[in-house]
Amino acid sequence: MSKRITTRWYIGAWVLAVLVGIATGLMARGAPAGSPPPGVTIASLVLVACGIVMFVMWIGALVRLAQQHAWGWFIGVLVLQLIFLGIVGMAAYAIAGPEDTAEVVIRPTTT
């Protein structure tokens, strides 16, 4: 996956998760004790989907960094995610991380 795809999807899923988390808190705050309102259940499913998207994009970014042999960035993104600062690592990678490089193979012509 490219840097652009992984960082945009990761950051987008993170922002959506924060917004849905706030909405879930507001819905649950006014709910009576017992079973949660239906909106909380739906919001919880959205949060799970956001978590899955963030995980897949994080793995994609790590694979891409390993392919580029950008080990400093690899360790930085990995460690920040493991200490629950993944958004910081992915934002830094989006802004200043190594650019995608594509290997081009040119087939020689035969005469």
N, C-alpha and C. Protein backbone atom coordinates (compact mmCIF):
# COMPACT_ATOMS: atom_id res chain seq x y z
N MET A 1 0.84 -1.18 0.00
CA MET A 1 0.00 0.00 0.00
C MET A 1 0.88 1.24 0.00
N SER A 2 0.39 2.28 -0.59
CA SER A 2 1.18 3.51 -0.67
C SER A 2 1.07 4.31 0.63
N LYS A 3 2.01 5.20 0.78
CA LYS A 3 2.03 6.07 1.96
C LYS A 3 0.76 6.91 2.02
N ARG A 4 0.33 7.40 0.89
CA ARG A 4 -0.86 8.26 0.85
C ARG A 4 -2.10 7.51 1.31
N ILE A 5 -2.28 6.31 0.83
CA ILE A 5 -3.47 5.52 1.20
C ILE A 5 -3.43 5.17 2.68
N THR A 6 -2.31 4.65 3.15
CA THR A 6 -2.25 4.21 4.54
C THR A 6 -2.45 5.35 5.52
N THR A 7 -1.80 6.48 5.26
CA THR A 7 -1.92 7.58 6.22
C THR A 7 -3.30 8.23 6.18
N ARG A 8 -3.86 8.41 5.02
CA ARG A 8 -5.20 9.03 4.94
C ARG A 8 -6.27 8.16 5.58
N TRP A 9 -6.24 6.88 5.30
CA TRP A 9 -7.24 5.98 5.87
C TRP A 9 -7.05 5.83 7.37
N TYR A 10 -5.80 5.74 7.83
CA TYR A 10 -5.54 5.60 9.27
C TYR A 10 -6.03 6.84 10.01
N ILE A 11 -5.62 8.01 9.56
CA ILE A 11 -5.99 9.25 10.23
C ILE A 11 -7.50 9.48 10.13
N GLY A 12 -8.09 9.17 8.97
CA GLY A 12 -9.54 9.30 8.83
C GLY A 12 -10.30 8.39 9.77
N ALA A 13 -9.86 7.15 9.91
CA ALA A 13 -10.51 6.21 10.82
C ALA A 13 -10.33 6.66 12.26
N TRP A 14 -9.18 7.22 12.59
CA TRP A 14 -8.94 7.71 13.94
C TRP A 14 -9.86 8.87 14.28
N VAL A 15 -9.98 9.83 13.36
CA VAL A 15 -10.87 10.98 13.58
C VAL A 15 -12.31 10.51 13.73
N LEU A 16 -12.75 9.59 12.87
CA LEU A 16 -14.11 9.06 12.97
C LEU A 16 -14.32 8.34 14.30
N ALA A 17 -13.33 7.59 14.75
CA ALA A 17 -13.45 6.88 16.03
C ALA A 17 -13.59 7.86 17.19
N VAL A 18 -12.85 8.95 17.15
CA VAL A 18 -12.97 9.96 18.21
C VAL A 18 -14.36 10.58 18.21
N LEU A 19 -14.85 10.94 17.03
CA LEU A 19 -16.19 11.54 16.93
C LEU A 19 -17.27 10.57 17.38
N VAL A 20 -17.18 9.32 16.97
CA VAL A 20 -18.17 8.31 17.37
C VAL A 20 -18.06 8.02 18.86
N GLY A 21 -16.85 8.03 19.40
CA GLY A 21 -16.67 7.83 20.83
C GLY A 21 -17.33 8.93 21.65
N ILE A 22 -17.20 10.17 21.19
CA ILE A 22 -17.86 11.29 21.87
C ILE A 22 -19.37 11.14 21.78
N ALA A 23 -19.87 10.81 20.59
CA ALA A 23 -21.32 10.61 20.42
C ALA A 23 -21.84 9.47 21.28
N THR A 24 -21.07 8.40 21.37
CA THR A 24 -21.47 7.26 22.20
C THR A 24 -21.55 7.67 23.66
N GLY A 25 -20.58 8.42 24.12
CA GLY A 25 -20.60 8.90 25.50
C GLY A 25 -21.81 9.77 25.78
N LEU A 26 -22.15 10.63 24.84
CA LEU A 26 -23.32 11.48 25.03
C LEU A 26 -24.61 10.68 25.03
N MET A 27 -24.70 9.68 24.16
CA MET A 27 -25.91 8.85 24.12
C MET A 27 -26.04 8.02 25.40
N ALA A 28 -24.94 7.47 25.85
CA ALA A 28 -24.98 6.60 27.03
C ALA A 28 -25.20 7.40 28.31
N ARG A 29 -24.78 8.65 28.31
CA ARG A 29 -24.91 9.49 29.50
C ARG A 29 -26.36 9.71 29.89
N GLY A 30 -27.22 9.91 28.91
CA GLY A 30 -28.62 10.18 29.19
C GLY A 30 -29.48 8.94 29.26
N ALA A 31 -28.91 7.78 29.07
CA ALA A 31 -29.68 6.54 29.03
C ALA A 31 -29.95 6.03 30.45
N PRO A 32 -31.11 5.43 30.66
CA PRO A 32 -31.38 4.83 31.97
C PRO A 32 -30.52 3.59 32.18
N ALA A 33 -30.37 3.22 33.44
CA ALA A 33 -29.58 2.04 33.76
C ALA A 33 -30.23 0.80 33.16
N GLY A 34 -29.44 -0.16 32.82
CA GLY A 34 -29.96 -1.38 32.20
C GLY A 34 -29.34 -1.57 30.85
N SER A 35 -30.18 -1.78 29.85
CA SER A 35 -29.66 -2.02 28.50
C SER A 35 -29.34 -0.69 27.82
N PRO A 36 -28.26 -0.68 27.03
CA PRO A 36 -27.89 0.56 26.34
C PRO A 36 -28.87 0.85 25.20
N PRO A 37 -29.00 2.11 24.83
CA PRO A 37 -29.86 2.45 23.69
C PRO A 37 -29.31 1.85 22.39
N PRO A 38 -30.16 1.65 21.39
CA PRO A 38 -29.70 1.05 20.12
C PRO A 38 -28.57 1.84 19.45
N GLY A 39 -28.57 3.15 19.61
CA GLY A 39 -27.52 3.96 19.01
C GLY A 39 -26.15 3.63 19.53
N VAL A 40 -26.07 3.24 20.80
CA VAL A 40 -24.79 2.88 21.40
C VAL A 40 -24.26 1.60 20.77
N THR A 41 -25.15 0.66 20.51
CA THR A 41 -24.74 -0.60 19.89
C THR A 41 -24.21 -0.35 18.48
N ILE A 42 -24.90 0.47 17.71
CA ILE A 42 -24.46 0.78 16.35
C ILE A 42 -23.13 1.53 16.39
N ALA A 43 -23.01 2.49 17.31
CA ALA A 43 -21.77 3.24 17.44
C ALA A 43 -20.61 2.32 17.83
N SER A 44 -20.88 1.35 18.66
CA SER A 44 -19.84 0.39 19.05
C SER A 44 -19.35 -0.41 17.85
N LEU A 45 -20.27 -0.79 16.97
CA LEU A 45 -19.87 -1.51 15.76
C LEU A 45 -19.02 -0.63 14.84
N VAL A 46 -19.36 0.66 14.78
CA VAL A 46 -18.56 1.59 13.98
C VAL A 46 -17.16 1.73 14.58
N LEU A 47 -17.08 1.76 15.90
CA LEU A 47 -15.77 1.84 16.56
C LEU A 47 -14.92 0.61 16.27
N VAL A 48 -15.54 -0.56 16.26
CA VAL A 48 -14.81 -1.79 15.94
C VAL A 48 -14.30 -1.73 14.50
N ALA A 49 -15.15 -1.27 13.58
CA ALA A 49 -14.74 -1.16 12.17
C ALA A 49 -13.58 -0.17 12.03
N CYS A 50 -13.63 0.94 12.75
CA CYS A 50 -12.53 1.92 12.71
C CYS A 50 -11.24 1.29 13.23
N GLY A 51 -11.34 0.51 14.29
CA GLY A 51 -10.17 -0.16 14.83
C GLY A 51 -9.56 -1.13 13.84
N ILE A 52 -10.40 -1.86 13.13
CA ILE A 52 -9.90 -2.80 12.12
C ILE A 52 -9.20 -2.06 10.99
N VAL A 53 -9.81 -0.96 10.52
CA VAL A 53 -9.20 -0.17 9.45
C VAL A 53 -7.85 0.39 9.89
N MET A 54 -7.80 0.93 11.11
CA MET A 54 -6.53 1.47 11.61
C MET A 54 -5.46 0.38 11.72
N PHE A 55 -5.83 -0.80 12.18
CA PHE A 55 -4.88 -1.89 12.30
C PHE A 55 -4.33 -2.31 10.94
N VAL A 56 -5.22 -2.46 9.97
CA VAL A 56 -4.79 -2.88 8.62
C VAL A 56 -3.89 -1.81 7.99
N MET A 57 -4.24 -0.55 8.14
CA MET A 57 -3.42 0.52 7.56
C MET A 57 -2.06 0.63 8.27
N TRP A 58 -2.04 0.39 9.57
CA TRP A 58 -0.79 0.41 10.31
C TRP A 58 0.14 -0.71 9.83
N ILE A 59 -0.41 -1.90 9.67
CA ILE A 59 0.38 -3.02 9.15
C ILE A 59 0.87 -2.70 7.74
N GLY A 60 0.00 -2.11 6.90
CA GLY A 60 0.40 -1.73 5.55
C GLY A 60 1.54 -0.73 5.55
N ALA A 61 1.49 0.24 6.47
CA ALA A 61 2.57 1.22 6.56
C ALA A 61 3.87 0.55 7.00
N LEU A 62 3.79 -0.35 7.97
CA LEU A 62 4.99 -1.05 8.42
C LEU A 62 5.59 -1.91 7.31
N VAL A 63 4.75 -2.58 6.55
CA VAL A 63 5.24 -3.40 5.43
C VAL A 63 5.94 -2.51 4.41
N ARG A 64 5.32 -1.37 4.10
CA ARG A 64 5.91 -0.45 3.12
C ARG A 64 7.25 0.09 3.60
N LEU A 65 7.31 0.46 4.89
CA LEU A 65 8.57 0.97 5.44
C LEU A 65 9.66 -0.11 5.43
N ALA A 66 9.28 -1.34 5.69
CA ALA A 66 10.25 -2.44 5.65
C ALA A 66 10.75 -2.66 4.22
N GLN A 67 9.85 -2.56 3.25
CA GLN A 67 10.25 -2.72 1.85
C GLN A 67 11.22 -1.63 1.42
N GLN A 68 11.05 -0.44 1.98
CA GLN A 68 11.93 0.68 1.64
C GLN A 68 13.22 0.68 2.47
N HIS A 69 13.32 -0.24 3.41
CA HIS A 69 14.47 -0.30 4.32
C HIS A 69 14.62 0.99 5.12
N ALA A 70 13.49 1.61 5.47
CA ALA A 70 13.48 2.81 6.31
C ALA A 70 13.29 2.35 7.75
N TRP A 71 14.35 1.79 8.32
CA TRP A 71 14.24 1.13 9.62
C TRP A 71 13.99 2.10 10.75
N GLY A 72 14.50 3.31 10.67
CA GLY A 72 14.23 4.31 11.70
C GLY A 72 12.75 4.65 11.77
N TRP A 73 12.16 4.88 10.61
CA TRP A 73 10.72 5.16 10.55
C TRP A 73 9.91 3.94 10.98
N PHE A 74 10.37 2.76 10.58
CA PHE A 74 9.69 1.53 10.96
C PHE A 74 9.62 1.40 12.48
N ILE A 75 10.75 1.56 13.14
CA ILE A 75 10.80 1.45 14.60
C ILE A 75 9.96 2.55 15.25
N GLY A 76 10.05 3.77 14.71
CA GLY A 76 9.28 4.88 15.28
C GLY A 76 7.79 4.65 15.21
N VAL A 77 7.29 4.25 14.05
CA VAL A 77 5.85 3.99 13.89
C VAL A 77 5.43 2.80 14.74
N LEU A 78 6.25 1.78 14.80
CA LEU A 78 5.93 0.60 15.60
C LEU A 78 5.86 0.93 17.09
N VAL A 79 6.89 1.57 17.61
CA VAL A 79 6.95 1.86 19.05
C VAL A 79 5.85 2.84 19.46
N LEU A 80 5.62 3.88 18.67
CA LEU A 80 4.56 4.83 19.02
C LEU A 80 3.19 4.16 19.06
N GLN A 81 2.95 3.24 18.16
CA GLN A 81 1.68 2.51 18.18
C GLN A 81 1.58 1.64 19.43
N LEU A 82 2.67 1.01 19.80
CA LEU A 82 2.66 0.12 20.95
C LEU A 82 2.51 0.86 22.28
N ILE A 83 2.87 2.15 22.32
CA ILE A 83 2.67 2.92 23.54
C ILE A 83 1.45 3.84 23.42
N PHE A 84 0.54 3.46 22.54
CA PHE A 84 -0.75 4.14 22.37
C PHE A 84 -0.63 5.57 21.88
N LEU A 85 0.39 5.86 21.10
CA LEU A 85 0.53 7.15 20.43
C LEU A 85 0.63 6.95 18.92
N GLY A 86 -0.14 5.99 18.42
CA GLY A 86 -0.07 5.64 17.01
C GLY A 86 -0.42 6.78 16.08
N ILE A 87 -1.35 7.63 16.48
CA ILE A 87 -1.73 8.75 15.63
C ILE A 87 -0.56 9.70 15.44
N VAL A 88 0.28 9.85 16.47
CA VAL A 88 1.45 10.72 16.36
C VAL A 88 2.43 10.15 15.34
N GLY A 89 2.68 8.85 15.42
CA GLY A 89 3.59 8.21 14.48
C GLY A 89 3.10 8.27 13.05
N MET A 90 1.80 8.00 12.86
CA MET A 90 1.26 8.02 11.49
C MET A 90 1.19 9.44 10.94
N ALA A 91 0.88 10.43 11.79
CA ALA A 91 0.87 11.82 11.32
C ALA A 91 2.27 12.26 10.94
N ALA A 92 3.27 11.89 11.74
CA ALA A 92 4.65 12.23 11.40
C ALA A 92 5.08 11.54 10.11
N TYR A 93 4.68 10.29 9.96
CA TYR A 93 4.99 9.55 8.73
C TYR A 93 4.33 10.21 7.53
N ALA A 94 3.09 10.68 7.69
CA ALA A 94 2.39 11.34 6.59
C ALA A 94 3.07 12.64 6.20
N ILE A 95 3.57 13.38 7.18
CA ILE A 95 4.17 14.69 6.91
C ILE A 95 5.61 14.58 6.43
N ALA A 96 6.42 13.79 7.13
CA ALA A 96 7.85 13.81 6.86
C ALA A 96 8.44 12.45 6.52
N GLY A 97 7.63 11.42 6.43
CA GLY A 97 8.15 10.08 6.16
C GLY A 97 8.72 9.95 4.76
N PRO A 98 9.43 8.86 4.54
CA PRO A 98 10.04 8.65 3.22
C PRO A 98 8.97 8.51 2.14
N GLU A 99 9.25 9.08 1.01
CA GLU A 99 8.31 9.02 -0.11
C GLU A 99 8.34 7.63 -0.73
N ASP A 100 7.23 7.26 -1.35
CA ASP A 100 7.17 5.98 -2.04
C ASP A 100 8.10 6.00 -3.23
N THR A 101 8.83 4.94 -3.39
CA THR A 101 9.70 4.79 -4.55
C THR A 101 9.26 3.55 -5.30
N ALA A 102 9.09 3.71 -6.56
CA ALA A 102 8.69 2.57 -7.39
C ALA A 102 9.88 2.12 -8.22
N GLU A 103 10.10 0.83 -8.21
CA GLU A 103 11.17 0.30 -9.03
C GLU A 103 10.64 0.12 -10.45
N VAL A 104 11.39 0.61 -11.39
CA VAL A 104 10.99 0.52 -12.79
C VAL A 104 11.97 -0.40 -13.50
N VAL A 105 11.43 -1.38 -14.16
CA VAL A 105 12.26 -2.31 -14.92
C VAL A 105 12.00 -2.05 -16.39
N ILE A 106 13.07 -1.82 -17.12
CA ILE A 106 12.95 -1.57 -18.56
C ILE A 106 13.49 -2.77 -19.30
N ARG A 107 12.64 -3.33 -20.12
CA ARG A 107 13.03 -4.49 -20.91
C ARG A 107 13.82 -4.03 -22.13
N PRO A 108 14.99 -4.60 -22.34
CA PRO A 108 15.75 -4.18 -23.53
C PRO A 108 15.05 -4.67 -24.81
N THR A 109 15.16 -3.84 -25.80
CA THR A 109 14.54 -4.21 -27.08
C THR A 109 15.44 -5.17 -27.83
N THR A 110 14.81 -6.02 -28.60
CA THR A 110 15.57 -6.95 -29.42
C THR A 110 15.45 -6.52 -30.87
N THR A 111 16.54 -6.64 -31.58
CA THR A 111 16.52 -6.25 -32.99
C THR A 111 16.79 -7.40 -33.90
